[in-house]
PDB file of N, CA and C in Angstrom:
ATOM      1  N   MET A   1     -57.444-102.947 -89.917  1.00  0.00           N
ATOM      2  CA  MET A   1     -57.895-101.939 -91.158  1.00  0.00           C
ATOM      3  C   MET A   1     -57.196-100.579 -91.065  1.00  0.00           C
ATOM      4  N   GLY A   2     -56.736-100.187 -91.380  1.00  0.00           N
ATOM      5  CA  GLY A   2     -55.712 -98.980 -91.753  1.00  0.00           C
ATOM      6  C   GLY A   2     -57.256 -97.724 -91.975  1.00  0.00           C
ATOM      7  N   ARG A   3     -57.803 -97.495 -92.000  1.00  0.00           N
ATOM      8  CA  ARG A   3     -58.645 -96.279 -91.572  1.00  0.00           C
ATOM      9  C   ARG A   3     -57.964 -94.732 -92.036  1.00  0.00           C
ATOM     10  N   MET A   4     -58.425 -93.884 -93.184  1.00  0.00           N
ATOM     11  CA  MET A   4     -57.200 -93.301 -93.470  1.00  0.00           C
ATOM     12  C   MET A   4     -58.270 -92.020 -92.421  1.00  0.00           C
ATOM     13  N   SER A   5     -56.851 -91.148 -91.691  1.00  0.00           N
ATOM     14  CA  SER A   5     -57.614 -89.897 -91.038  1.00  0.00           C
ATOM     15  C   SER A   5     -57.721 -89.063 -91.645  1.00  0.00           C
ATOM     16  N   ILE A   6     -58.720 -88.110 -91.345  1.00  0.00           N
ATOM     17  CA  ILE A   6     -59.909 -86.960 -92.260  1.00  0.00           C
ATOM     18  C   ILE A   6     -59.108 -85.892 -91.637  1.00  0.00           C
ATOM     19  N   PRO A   7     -58.028 -84.656 -92.564  1.00  0.00           N
ATOM     20  CA  PRO A   7     -57.714 -83.735 -91.299  1.00  0.00           C
ATOM     21  C   PRO A   7     -58.927 -83.084 -91.089  1.00  0.00           C
ATOM     22  N   GLN A   8     -59.202 -82.622 -90.209  1.00  0.00           N
ATOM     23  CA  GLN A   8     -60.125 -81.633 -89.698  1.00  0.00           C
ATOM     24  C   GLN A   8     -59.682 -80.352 -89.686  1.00  0.00           C
ATOM     25  N   LEU A   9     -60.617 -79.174 -89.629  1.00  0.00           N
ATOM     26  CA  LEU A   9     -59.940 -77.696 -89.688  1.00  0.00           C
ATOM     27  C   LEU A   9     -61.157 -77.056 -88.679  1.00  0.00           C
ATOM     28  N   PRO A  10     -60.424 -77.089 -87.477  1.00  0.00           N
ATOM     29  CA  PRO A  10     -62.093 -75.787 -86.624  1.00  0.00           C
ATOM     30  C   PRO A  10     -62.364 -74.997 -87.037  1.00  0.00           C
ATOM     31  N   VAL A  11     -64.021 -74.416 -86.858  1.00  0.00           N
ATOM     32  CA  VAL A  11     -64.430 -73.479 -87.456  1.00  0.00           C
ATOM     33  C   VAL A  11     -63.860 -72.421 -87.235  1.00  0.00           C
ATOM     34  N   ASP A  12     -63.324 -72.666 -85.774  1.00  0.00           N
ATOM     35  CA  ASP A  12     -62.312 -70.732 -85.677  1.00  0.00           C
ATOM     36  C   ASP A  12     -61.466 -70.320 -86.268  1.00  0.00           C
ATOM     37  N   GLN A  13     -60.767 -71.250 -86.840  1.00  0.00           N
ATOM     38  CA  GLN A  13     -59.531 -71.520 -88.017  1.00  0.00           C
ATOM     39  C   GLN A  13     -60.044 -70.769 -89.089  1.00  0.00           C
ATOM     40  N   VAL A  14     -61.324 -70.932 -89.560  1.00  0.00           N
ATOM     41  CA  VAL A  14     -61.549 -70.475 -91.094  1.00  0.00           C
ATOM     42  C   VAL A  14     -62.157 -69.207 -91.285  1.00  0.00           C
ATOM     43  N   ALA A  15     -62.158 -68.516 -91.974  1.00  0.00           N
ATOM     44  CA  ALA A  15     -62.500 -67.128 -91.967  1.00  0.00           C
ATOM     45  C   ALA A  15     -63.410 -66.488 -92.597  1.00  0.00           C
ATOM     46  N   ASP A  16     -64.417 -65.770 -91.351  1.00  0.00           N
ATOM     47  CA  ASP A  16     -66.087 -65.632 -91.981  1.00  0.00           C
ATOM     48  C   ASP A  16     -65.910 -65.559 -93.738  1.00  0.00           C
ATOM     49  N   ASP A  17     -65.228 -65.209 -94.705  1.00  0.00           N
ATOM     50  CA  ASP A  17     -65.519 -65.179 -95.934  1.00  0.00           C
ATOM     51  C   ASP A  17     -64.590 -66.028 -96.680  1.00  0.00           C
ATOM     52  N   ALA A  18     -64.275 -67.202 -96.041  1.00  0.00           N
ATOM     53  CA  ALA A  18     -63.395 -68.218 -96.715  1.00  0.00           C
ATOM     54  C   ALA A  18     -64.205 -68.602 -97.692  1.00  0.00           C
ATOM     55  N   VAL A  19     -63.451 -69.467 -98.828  1.00  0.00           N
ATOM     56  CA  VAL A  19     -63.869 -70.091 -99.865  1.00  0.00           C
ATOM     57  C   VAL A  19     -64.160 -71.551 -99.310  1.00  0.00           C
ATOM     58  N   ILE A  20     -65.253 -72.166 -99.242  1.00  0.00           N
ATOM     59  CA  ILE A  20     -65.603 -73.612 -98.511  1.00  0.00           C
ATOM     60  C   ILE A  20     -66.746 -74.464 -99.475  1.00  0.00           C
ATOM     61  N   LEU A  21     -65.707 -75.253 -99.805  1.00  0.00           N
ATOM     62  CA  LEU A  21     -66.713 -76.349-100.533  1.00  0.00           C
ATOM     63  C   LEU A  21     -67.698 -77.083 -99.535  1.00  0.00           C
ATOM     64  N   ASP A  22     -68.989 -77.131-100.254  1.00  0.00           N
ATOM     65  CA  ASP A  22     -70.364 -77.273 -99.398  1.00  0.00           C
ATOM     66  C   ASP A  22     -70.619 -78.450-100.225  1.00  0.00           C
ATOM     67  N   VAL A  23     -70.761 -79.606 -99.978  1.00  0.00           N
ATOM     68  CA  VAL A  23     -71.340 -80.786-100.080  1.00  0.00           C
ATOM     69  C   VAL A  23     -72.974 -81.113-100.169  1.00  0.00           C
ATOM     70  N   ARG A  24     -73.592 -80.377 -98.946  1.00  0.00           N
ATOM     71  CA  ARG A  24     -74.982 -80.633 -98.823  1.00  0.00           C
ATOM     72  C   ARG A  24     -76.082 -80.714-100.508  1.00  0.00           C
ATOM     73  N   GLU A  25     -77.091 -81.194-100.369  1.00  0.00           N
ATOM     74  CA  GLU A  25     -78.317 -80.921-101.282  1.00  0.00           C
ATOM     75  C   GLU A  25     -78.286 -79.308-101.095  1.00  0.00           C
ATOM     76  N   GLN A  26     -79.496 -79.520-102.523  1.00  0.00           N
ATOM     77  CA  GLN A  26     -79.751 -78.126-102.819  1.00  0.00           C
ATOM     78  C   GLN A  26     -80.661 -77.301-102.110  1.00  0.00           C
ATOM     79  N   ASP A  27     -81.793 -77.898-100.787  1.00  0.00           N
ATOM     80  CA  ASP A  27     -82.457 -78.065-100.327  1.00  0.00           C
ATOM     81  C   ASP A  27     -81.654 -77.171 -98.943  1.00  0.00           C
ATOM     82  N   GLU A  28     -81.072 -77.570 -98.713  1.00  0.00           N
ATOM     83  CA  GLU A  28     -79.947 -77.528 -97.803  1.00  0.00           C
ATOM     84  C   GLU A  28     -78.849 -76.408 -97.875  1.00  0.00           C
ATOM     85  N   TRP A  29     -78.855 -76.463 -98.312  1.00  0.00           N
ATOM     86  CA  TRP A  29     -77.931 -74.673 -99.785  1.00  0.00           C
ATOM     87  C   TRP A  29     -78.644 -73.923 -99.682  1.00  0.00           C
ATOM     88  N   ASP A  30     -80.101 -74.156-100.045  1.00  0.00           N
ATOM     89  CA  ASP A  30     -81.015 -72.589-100.476  1.00  0.00           C
ATOM     90  C   ASP A  30     -80.906 -72.200 -98.608  1.00  0.00           C
ATOM     91  N   ALA A  31     -81.504 -72.841 -98.102  1.00  0.00           N
ATOM     92  CA  ALA A  31     -81.954 -72.439 -96.676  1.00  0.00           C
ATOM     93  C   ALA A  31     -81.049 -72.117 -95.588  1.00  0.00           C
ATOM     94  N   GLY A  32     -78.879 -72.185 -96.271  1.00  0.00           N
ATOM     95  CA  GLY A  32     -78.294 -71.178 -95.565  1.00  0.00           C
ATOM     96  C   GLY A  32     -76.333 -72.131 -96.046  1.00  0.00           C
ATOM     97  N   HIS A  33     -75.783 -70.849 -96.278  1.00  0.00           N
ATOM     98  CA  HIS A  33     -74.679 -71.317 -96.608  1.00  0.00           C
ATOM     99  C   HIS A  33     -73.868 -70.191 -95.900  1.00  0.00           C
ATOM    100  N   ALA A  34     -72.542 -70.211 -95.720  1.00  0.00           N
ATOM    101  CA  ALA A  34     -71.630 -69.425 -95.680  1.00  0.00           C
ATOM    102  C   ALA A  34     -71.614 -68.844 -97.145  1.00  0.00           C
ATOM    103  N   PRO A  35     -70.988 -67.561 -96.536  1.00  0.00           N
ATOM    104  CA  PRO A  35     -71.231 -66.992 -98.092  1.00  0.00           C
ATOM    105  C   PRO A  35     -70.031 -66.709 -98.787  1.00  0.00           C
ATOM    106  N   GLY A  36     -68.754 -67.235 -98.620  1.00  0.00           N
ATOM    107  CA  GLY A  36     -68.250 -67.205 -99.740  1.00  0.00           C
ATOM    108  C   GLY A  36     -68.158 -68.988-100.280  1.00  0.00           C
ATOM    109  N   ALA A  37     -68.974 -69.808 -99.953  1.00  0.00           N
ATOM    110  CA  ALA A  37     -69.157 -71.158-100.447  1.00  0.00           C
ATOM    111  C   ALA A  37     -69.022 -71.448-102.061  1.00  0.00           C
ATOM    112  N   VAL A  38     -69.382 -72.161-102.289  1.00  0.00           N
ATOM    113  CA  VAL A  38     -69.296 -73.030-103.207  1.00  0.00           C
ATOM    114  C   VAL A  38     -69.810 -74.503-103.654  1.00  0.00           C
ATOM    115  N   HIS A  39     -71.135 -74.455-103.835  1.00  0.00           N
ATOM    116  CA  HIS A  39     -71.690 -75.612-103.410  1.00  0.00           C
ATOM    117  C   HIS A  39     -71.929 -76.371-104.705  1.00  0.00           C
ATOM    118  N   ILE A  40     -71.631 -77.785-104.562  1.00  0.00           N
ATOM    119  CA  ILE A  40     -71.603 -78.679-105.317  1.00  0.00           C
ATOM    120  C   ILE A  40     -71.524 -79.903-104.791  1.00  0.00           C
ATOM    121  N   PRO A  41     -73.112 -80.806-104.331  1.00  0.00           N
ATOM    122  CA  PRO A  41     -73.452 -81.921-103.523  1.00  0.00           C
ATOM    123  C   PRO A  41     -72.945 -82.965-103.769  1.00  0.00           C
ATOM    124  N   LEU A  42     -72.748 -83.699-103.251  1.00  0.00           N
ATOM    125  CA  LEU A  42     -71.797 -84.785-102.748  1.00  0.00           C
ATOM    126  C   LEU A  42     -71.784 -85.528-103.884  1.00  0.00           C
ATOM    127  N   GLY A  43     -73.286 -86.263-104.574  1.00  0.00           N
ATOM    128  CA  GLY A  43     -73.030 -86.815-105.512  1.00  0.00           C
ATOM    129  C   GLY A  43     -72.553 -86.273-107.214  1.00  0.00           C
ATOM    130  N   ASP A  44     -72.127 -85.212-107.458  1.00  0.00           N
ATOM    131  CA  ASP A  44     -72.270 -84.447-108.429  1.00  0.00           C
ATOM    132  C   ASP A  44     -70.883 -84.500-108.463  1.00  0.00           C
ATOM    133  N   LEU A  45     -69.679 -84.265-107.364  1.00  0.00           N
ATOM    134  CA  LEU A  45     -68.319 -83.899-107.094  1.00  0.00           C
ATOM    135  C   LEU A  45     -67.262 -84.677-108.294  1.00  0.00           C
ATOM    136  N   PRO A  46     -67.358 -85.795-108.312  1.00  0.00           N
ATOM    137  CA  PRO A  46     -66.536 -86.256-109.490  1.00  0.00           C
ATOM    138  C   PRO A  46     -66.820 -85.649-110.803  1.00  0.00           C
ATOM    139  N   ALA A  47     -67.996 -85.228-111.133  1.00  0.00           N
ATOM    140  CA  ALA A  47     -68.329 -85.040-112.956  1.00  0.00           C
ATOM    141  C   ALA A  47     -67.535 -83.227-112.451  1.00  0.00           C
ATOM    142  N   ARG A  48     -67.694 -82.480-111.346  1.00  0.00           N
ATOM    143  CA  ARG A  48     -67.574 -81.060-111.087  1.00  0.00           C
ATOM    144  C   ARG A  48     -66.357 -80.776-110.591  1.00  0.00           C
ATOM    145  N   LEU A  49     -65.523 -81.265-110.951  1.00  0.00           N
ATOM    146  CA  LEU A  49     -64.495 -80.991-110.009  1.00  0.00           C
ATOM    147  C   LEU A  49     -63.572 -79.639-110.716  1.00  0.00           C
ATOM    148  N   ALA A  50     -63.835 -79.383-111.437  1.00  0.00           N
ATOM    149  CA  ALA A  50     -63.401 -78.053-112.673  1.00  0.00           C
ATOM    150  C   ALA A  50     -63.521 -77.175-111.583  1.00  0.00           C
ATOM    151  N   GLU A  51     -65.066 -77.243-111.100  1.00  0.00           N
ATOM    152  CA  GLU A  51     -65.698 -76.086-110.230  1.00  0.00           C
ATOM    153  C   GLU A  51     -64.794 -75.343-109.144  1.00  0.00           C
ATOM    154  N   LEU A  52     -64.419 -76.594-108.243  1.00  0.00           N
ATOM    155  CA  LEU A  52     -63.245 -76.182-107.319  1.00  0.00           C
ATOM    156  C   LEU A  52     -62.315 -75.033-107.135  1.00  0.00           C
ATOM    157  N   PRO A  53     -62.252 -74.375-106.472  1.00  0.00           N
ATOM    158  CA  PRO A  53     -61.016 -72.993-106.038  1.00  0.00           C
ATOM    159  C   PRO A  53     -59.734 -73.589-106.782  1.00  0.00           C
ATOM    160  N   ASP A  54     -59.139 -72.828-107.095  1.00  0.00           N
ATOM    161  CA  ASP A  54     -57.657 -73.151-107.249  1.00  0.00           C
ATOM    162  C   ASP A  54     -56.953 -73.406-106.269  1.00  0.00           C
ATOM    163  N   PRO A  55     -56.482 -75.009-106.710  1.00  0.00           N
ATOM    164  CA  PRO A  55     -55.982 -75.768-105.979  1.00  0.00           C
ATOM    165  C   PRO A  55     -54.519 -75.167-104.915  1.00  0.00           C
ATOM    166  N   ASP A  56     -53.838 -74.078-105.690  1.00  0.00           N
ATOM    167  CA  ASP A  56     -52.894 -73.405-104.860  1.00  0.00           C
ATOM    168  C   ASP A  56     -53.093 -72.777-103.965  1.00  0.00           C
ATOM    169  N   ALA A  57     -54.104 -72.307-103.890  1.00  0.00           N
ATOM    170  CA  ALA A  57     -54.946 -71.638-103.079  1.00  0.00           C
ATOM    171  C   ALA A  57     -54.862 -71.882-101.304  1.00  0.00           C
ATOM    172  N   GLY A  58     -53.729 -73.090-100.968  1.00  0.00           N
ATOM    173  CA  GLY A  58     -54.443 -73.124 -99.983  1.00  0.00           C
ATOM    174  C   GLY A  58     -55.551 -74.642 -99.608  1.00  0.00           C
ATOM    175  N   THR A  59     -54.956 -75.076 -98.155  1.00  0.00           N
ATOM    176  CA  THR A  59     -56.090 -75.848 -97.764  1.00  0.00           C
ATOM    177  C   THR A  59     -57.616 -75.827 -98.316  1.00  0.00           C
ATOM    178  N   LEU A  60     -58.551 -76.314 -99.142  1.00  0.00           N
ATOM    179  CA  LEU A  60     -59.954 -76.093 -99.031  1.00  0.00           C
ATOM    180  C   LEU A  60     -60.730 -76.646 -97.879  1.00  0.00           C
ATOM    181  N   ALA A  61     -61.199 -75.768 -97.282  1.00  0.00           N
ATOM    182  CA  ALA A  61     -62.479 -76.924 -96.391  1.00  0.00           C
ATOM    183  C   ALA A  61     -63.304 -77.004 -96.972  1.00  0.00           C
ATOM    184  N   VAL A  62     -63.706 -78.435 -96.396  1.00  0.00           N
ATOM    185  CA  VAL A  62     -65.817 -78.627 -96.928  1.00  0.00           C
ATOM    186  C   VAL A  62     -66.529 -79.114 -95.806  1.00  0.00           C
ATOM    187  N   THR A  63     -67.576 -78.555 -96.581  1.00  0.00           N
ATOM    188  CA  THR A  63     -68.726 -79.008 -95.198  1.00  0.00           C
ATOM    189  C   THR A  63     -70.121 -79.295 -95.666  1.00  0.00           C
ATOM    190  N   CYS A  64     -70.140 -80.214 -94.481  1.00  0.00           N
ATOM    191  CA  CYS A  64     -72.248 -80.760 -95.146  1.00  0.00           C
ATOM    192  C   CYS A  64     -72.648 -79.964 -93.876  1.00  0.00           C
ATOM    193  N   ARG A  65     -74.096 -80.626 -93.039  1.00  0.00           N
ATOM    194  CA  ARG A  65     -74.275 -80.226 -92.365  1.00  0.00           C
ATOM    195  C   ARG A  65     -73.917 -80.469 -90.803  1.00  0.00           C
ATOM    196  N   GLY A  66     -72.975 -81.707 -90.743  1.00  0.00           N
ATOM    197  CA  GLY A  66     -72.410 -81.951 -89.775  1.00  0.00           C
ATOM    198  C   GLY A  66     -71.294 -82.896 -89.514  1.00  0.00           C
ATOM    199  N   GLY A  67     -70.803 -83.293 -90.960  1.00  0.00           N
ATOM    200  CA  GLY A  67     -69.599 -83.579 -90.964  1.00  0.00           C
ATOM    201  C   GLY A  67     -69.674 -85.146 -91.613  1.00  0.00           C
ATOM    202  N   GLY A  68     -70.660 -85.924 -91.642  1.00  0.00           N
ATOM    203  CA  GLY A  68     -70.299 -86.817 -92.152  1.00  0.00           C
ATOM    204  C   GLY A  68     -70.394 -86.973 -93.893  1.00  0.00           C
ATOM    205  N   ARG A  69     -71.141 -86.504 -94.529  1.00  0.00           N
ATOM    206  CA  ARG A  69     -70.932 -86.406 -95.845  1.00  0.00           C
ATOM    207  C   ARG A  69     -69.716 -85.653 -96.556  1.00  0.00           C
ATOM    208  N   SER A  70     -69.242 -84.610 -95.819  1.00  0.00           N
ATOM    209  CA  SER A  70     -67.752 -83.870 -96.020  1.00  0.00           C
ATOM    210  C   SER A  70     -66.928 -84.782 -95.747  1.00  0.00           C
ATOM    211  N   SER A  71     -67.063 -85.496 -94.831  1.00  0.00           N
ATOM    212  CA  SER A  71     -65.513 -86.287 -94.404  1.00  0.00           C
ATOM    213  C   SER A  71     -65.540 -87.319 -95.599  1.00  0.00           C
ATOM    214  N   ARG A  72     -66.510 -88.357 -95.730  1.00  0.00           N
ATOM    215  CA  ARG A  72     -66.292 -88.532 -97.602  1.00  0.00           C
ATOM    216  C   ARG A  72     -66.298 -87.835 -98.573  1.00  0.00           C
ATOM    217  N   ALA A  73     -65.957 -86.596 -98.732  1.00  0.00           N
ATOM    218  CA  ALA A  73     -65.509 -85.749 -99.459  1.00  0.00           C
ATOM    219  C   ALA A  73     -63.832 -85.469 -99.633  1.00  0.00           C
ATOM    220  N   VAL A  74     -63.756 -85.511 -98.322  1.00  0.00           N
ATOM    221  CA  VAL A  74     -62.632 -84.998 -98.336  1.00  0.00           C
ATOM    222  C   VAL A  74     -61.706 -86.478 -98.350  1.00  0.00           C
ATOM    223  N   ALA A  75     -62.016 -87.700 -98.223  1.00  0.00           N
ATOM    224  CA  ALA A  75     -61.074 -88.651 -98.373  1.00  0.00           C
ATOM    225  C   ALA A  75     -61.186 -88.696 -99.663  1.00  0.00           C
ATOM    226  N   TRP A  76     -62.174 -88.744-100.529  1.00  0.00           N
ATOM    227  CA  TRP A  76     -62.221 -88.894-102.154  1.00  0.00           C
ATOM    228  C   TRP A  76     -61.037 -87.820-102.804  1.00  0.00           C
ATOM    229  N   LEU A  77     -61.079 -86.605-102.203  1.00  0.00           N
ATOM    230  CA  LEU A  77     -60.325 -85.741-102.882  1.00  0.00           C
ATOM    231  C   LEU A  77     -59.116 -85.591-102.805  1.00  0.00           C
ATOM    232  N   THR A  78     -58.848 -85.892-101.028  1.00  0.00           N
ATOM    233  CA  THR A  78     -57.331 -86.293-101.076  1.00  0.00           C
ATOM    234  C   THR A  78     -56.844 -87.615-101.610  1.00  0.00           C
ATOM    235  N   GLN A  79     -56.897 -88.602-102.329  1.00  0.00           N
ATOM    236  CA  GLN A  79     -56.740 -89.517-103.211  1.00  0.00           C
ATOM    237  C   GLN A  79     -57.024 -88.844-104.792  1.00  0.00           C
ATOM    238  N   GLN A  80     -57.536 -87.581-104.949  1.00  0.00           N
ATOM    239  CA  GLN A  80     -57.226 -86.888-106.274  1.00  0.00           C
ATOM    240  C   GLN A  80     -56.254 -86.221-106.210  1.00  0.00           C
ATOM    241  N   GLY A  81     -55.352 -86.090-104.833  1.00  0.00           N
ATOM    242  CA  GLY A  81     -54.789 -85.063-105.027  1.00  0.00           C
ATOM    243  C   GLY A  81     -55.111 -83.560-104.688  1.00  0.00           C
ATOM    244  N   TYR A  82     -56.114 -83.610-103.943  1.00  0.00           N
ATOM    245  CA  TYR A  82     -56.825 -82.186-103.492  1.00  0.00           C
ATOM    246  C   TYR A  82     -55.876 -81.763-101.950  1.00  0.00           C
ATOM    247  N   ASP A  83     -55.775 -80.275-101.647  1.00  0.00           N
ATOM    248  CA  ASP A  83     -55.140 -80.246-100.405  1.00  0.00           C
ATOM    249  C   ASP A  83     -56.793 -79.543 -99.370  1.00  0.00           C
ATOM    250  N   VAL A  84     -57.150 -80.613 -98.997  1.00  0.00           N
ATOM    251  CA  VAL A  84     -58.378 -80.184 -98.001  1.00  0.00           C
ATOM    252  C   VAL A  84     -58.811 -80.827 -96.777  1.00  0.00           C
ATOM    253  N   ALA A  85     -59.828 -80.154 -96.224  1.00  0.00           N
ATOM    254  CA  ALA A  85     -59.945 -80.272 -94.611  1.00  0.00           C
ATOM    255  C   ALA A  85     -61.320 -80.277 -94.190  1.00  0.00           C
ATOM    256  N   ASN A  86     -61.686 -81.633 -93.057  1.00  0.00           N
ATOM    257  CA  ASN A  86     -62.797 -81.415 -92.823  1.00  0.00           C
ATOM    258  C   ASN A  86     -63.283 -80.428 -92.062  1.00  0.00           C
ATOM    259  N   LEU A  87     -64.053 -79.232 -92.356  1.00  0.00           N
ATOM    260  CA  LEU A  87     -64.960 -78.599 -91.225  1.00  0.00           C
ATOM    261  C   LEU A  87     -65.518 -78.913 -90.151  1.00  0.00           C
ATOM    262  N   ASP A  88     -64.466 -78.737 -89.016  1.00  0.00           N
ATOM    263  CA  ASP A  88     -65.180 -79.693 -87.796  1.00  0.00           C
ATOM    264  C   ASP A  88     -66.697 -79.163 -87.536  1.00  0.00           C
ATOM    265  N   GLY A  89     -67.624 -80.324 -87.303  1.00  0.00           N
ATOM    266  CA  GLY A  89     -68.637 -79.880 -87.122  1.00  0.00           C
ATOM    267  C   GLY A  89     -69.924 -79.477 -87.980  1.00  0.00           C
ATOM    268  N   GLY A  90     -69.151 -79.072 -89.051  1.00  0.00           N
ATOM    269  CA  GLY A  90     -70.285 -78.670 -90.677  1.00  0.00           C
ATOM    270  C   GLY A  90     -70.494 -77.282 -90.450  1.00  0.00           C
ATOM    271  N   MET A  91     -72.075 -77.196 -90.998  1.00  0.00           N
ATOM    272  CA  MET A  91     -72.815 -75.834 -91.088  1.00  0.00           C
ATOM    273  C   MET A  91     -73.247 -75.532 -89.404  1.00  0.00           C
ATOM    274  N   LYS A  92     -73.463 -77.041 -89.202  1.00  0.00           N
ATOM    275  CA  LYS A  92     -74.000 -76.608 -87.493  1.00  0.00           C
ATOM    276  C   LYS A  92     -73.066 -76.357 -86.413  1.00  0.00           C
ATOM    277  N   ALA A  93     -71.969 -76.502 -86.551  1.00  0.00           N
ATOM    278  CA  ALA A  93     -70.994 -75.067 -86.055  1.00  0.00           C
ATOM    279  C   ALA A  93     -70.422 -74.750 -86.186  1.00  0.00           C
ATOM    280  N   TRP A  94     -70.791 -74.200 -87.600  1.00  0.00           N
ATOM    281  CA  TRP A  94     -70.416 -72.371 -88.356  1.00  0.00           C
ATOM    282  C   TRP A  94     -71.550 -71.808 -87.984  1.00  0.00           C
ATOM    283  N   GLN A  95     -72.637 -72.150 -87.674  1.00  0.00           N
ATOM    284  CA  GLN A  95     -73.691 -71.284 -87.237  1.00  0.00           C
ATOM    285  C   GLN A  95     -73.961 -71.418 -85.702  1.00  0.00           C
ATOM    286  N   ALA A  96     -73.561 -72.230 -85.250  1.00  0.00           N
ATOM    287  CA  ALA A  96     -73.236 -71.908 -83.572  1.00  0.00           C
ATOM    288  C   ALA A  96     -71.975 -71.033 -83.293  1.00  0.00           C
ATOM    289  N   ALA A  97     -71.321 -71.632 -84.001  1.00  0.00           N
ATOM    290  CA  ALA A  97     -70.149 -69.675 -83.593  1.00  0.00           C
ATOM    291  C   ALA A  97     -70.413 -68.604 -84.298  1.00  0.00           C
ATOM    292  N   GLY A  98     -71.840 -68.559 -84.616  1.00  0.00           N
ATOM    293  CA  GLY A  98     -71.902 -67.139 -85.305  1.00  0.00           C
ATOM    294  C   GLY A  98     -71.153 -66.689 -86.170  1.00  0.00           C
ATOM    295  N   LYS A  99     -70.728 -67.633 -86.794  1.00  0.00           N
ATOM    296  CA  LYS A  99     -70.683 -67.379 -88.555  1.00  0.00           C
ATOM    297  C   LYS A  99     -71.566 -66.843 -89.911  1.00  0.00           C
ATOM    298  N   PRO A 100     -71.002 -66.247 -90.397  1.00  0.00           N
ATOM    299  CA  PRO A 100     -71.863 -65.596 -91.322  1.00  0.00           C
ATOM    300  C   PRO A 100     -72.860 -66.324 -91.892  1.00  0.00           C
ATOM    301  N   LEU A 101     -74.606 -66.514 -92.656  1.00  0.00           N
ATOM    302  CA  LEU A 101     -75.107 -67.415 -92.997  1.00  0.00           C
ATOM    303  C   LEU A 101     -75.655 -66.582 -93.957  1.00  0.00           C
ATOM    304  N   VAL A 102     -75.865 -67.086 -95.498  1.00  0.00           N
ATOM    305  CA  VAL A 102     -77.033 -66.239 -96.347  1.00  0.00           C
ATOM    306  C   VAL A 102     -77.709 -67.466 -97.006  1.00  0.00           C
ATOM    307  N   ALA A 103     -78.607 -66.922 -97.367  1.00  0.00           N
ATOM    308  CA  ALA A 103     -79.887 -67.971 -97.365  1.00  0.00           C
ATOM    309  C   ALA A 103     -80.588 -67.248 -98.857  1.00  0.00           C
ATOM    310  N   ASP A 104     -81.001 -67.986 -99.985  1.00  0.00           N
ATOM    311  CA  ASP A 104     -81.677 -67.626-101.119  1.00  0.00           C
ATOM    312  C   ASP A 104     -82.869 -67.004-100.577  1.00  0.00           C
ATOM    313  N   GLN A 105     -83.690 -67.349 -99.775  1.00  0.00           N
ATOM    314  CA  GLN A 105     -84.846 -66.366 -99.125  1.00  0.00           C
ATOM    315  C   GLN A 105     -85.035 -66.642 -97.953  1.00  0.00           C
ATOM    316  N   GLY A 106     -85.145 -65.616 -97.523  1.00  0.00           N
ATOM    317  CA  GLY A 106     -86.140 -65.567 -95.672  1.00  0.00           C
ATOM    318  C   GLY A 106     -84.630 -65.616 -95.101  1.00  0.00           C
ATOM    319  N   GLU A 107     -84.622 -66.020 -93.877  1.00  0.00           N
ATOM    320  CA  GLU A 107     -84.043 -65.770 -93.119  1.00  0.00           C
ATOM    321  C   GLU A 107     -82.881 -67.281 -93.028  1.00  0.00           C
ATOM    322  N   PRO A 108     -81.722 -67.238 -93.017  1.00  0.00           N
ATOM    323  CA  PRO A 108     -80.938 -67.898 -92.946  1.00  0.00           C
ATOM    324  C   PRO A 108     -80.564 -68.995 -91.518  1.00  0.00           C
ATOM    325  N   ASP A 109     -80.691 -70.141 -91.921  1.00  0.00           N
ATOM    326  CA  ASP A 109     -80.626 -71.240 -90.802  1.00  0.00           C
ATOM    327  C   ASP A 109     -80.170 -72.402 -91.570  1.00  0.00           C
ATOM    328  N   VAL A 110     -79.689 -73.420 -90.952  1.00  0.00           N
ATOM    329  CA  VAL A 110     -79.021 -74.636 -91.231  1.00  0.00           C
ATOM    330  C   VAL A 110     -80.421 -75.650 -91.595  1.00  0.00           C
ATOM    331  N   LYS A 111     -80.067 -76.609 -92.191  1.00  0.00           N
ATOM    332  CA  LYS A 111     -80.940 -77.529 -92.179  1.00  0.00           C
ATOM    333  C   LYS A 111     -80.739 -79.385 -91.882  1.00  0.00           C
TER     334      LYS A 111
END
């Protein structure tokens, strides 16, 4: 069984204000997300590809809470020809590294 290897991008290699694709659900996004992130829940991704950042801008980091959903998104997007990598450890790792978080209301946190 040849499982495709998912490219991983360590949190410390991603700029604080980088454009990141966040594939978590709305409530998770509302609770806290990276300031430069684009929010497209995993299930909406196929219908919303036009909203992805310019593919010529370099490797796009994809994140979720811990890395599971974003791994699936990276595998699918790679098959569509996108240059993407999984944010290693997801938003939990982002928060643990002291990276900036913004919330739609209240104190930002990762759900």
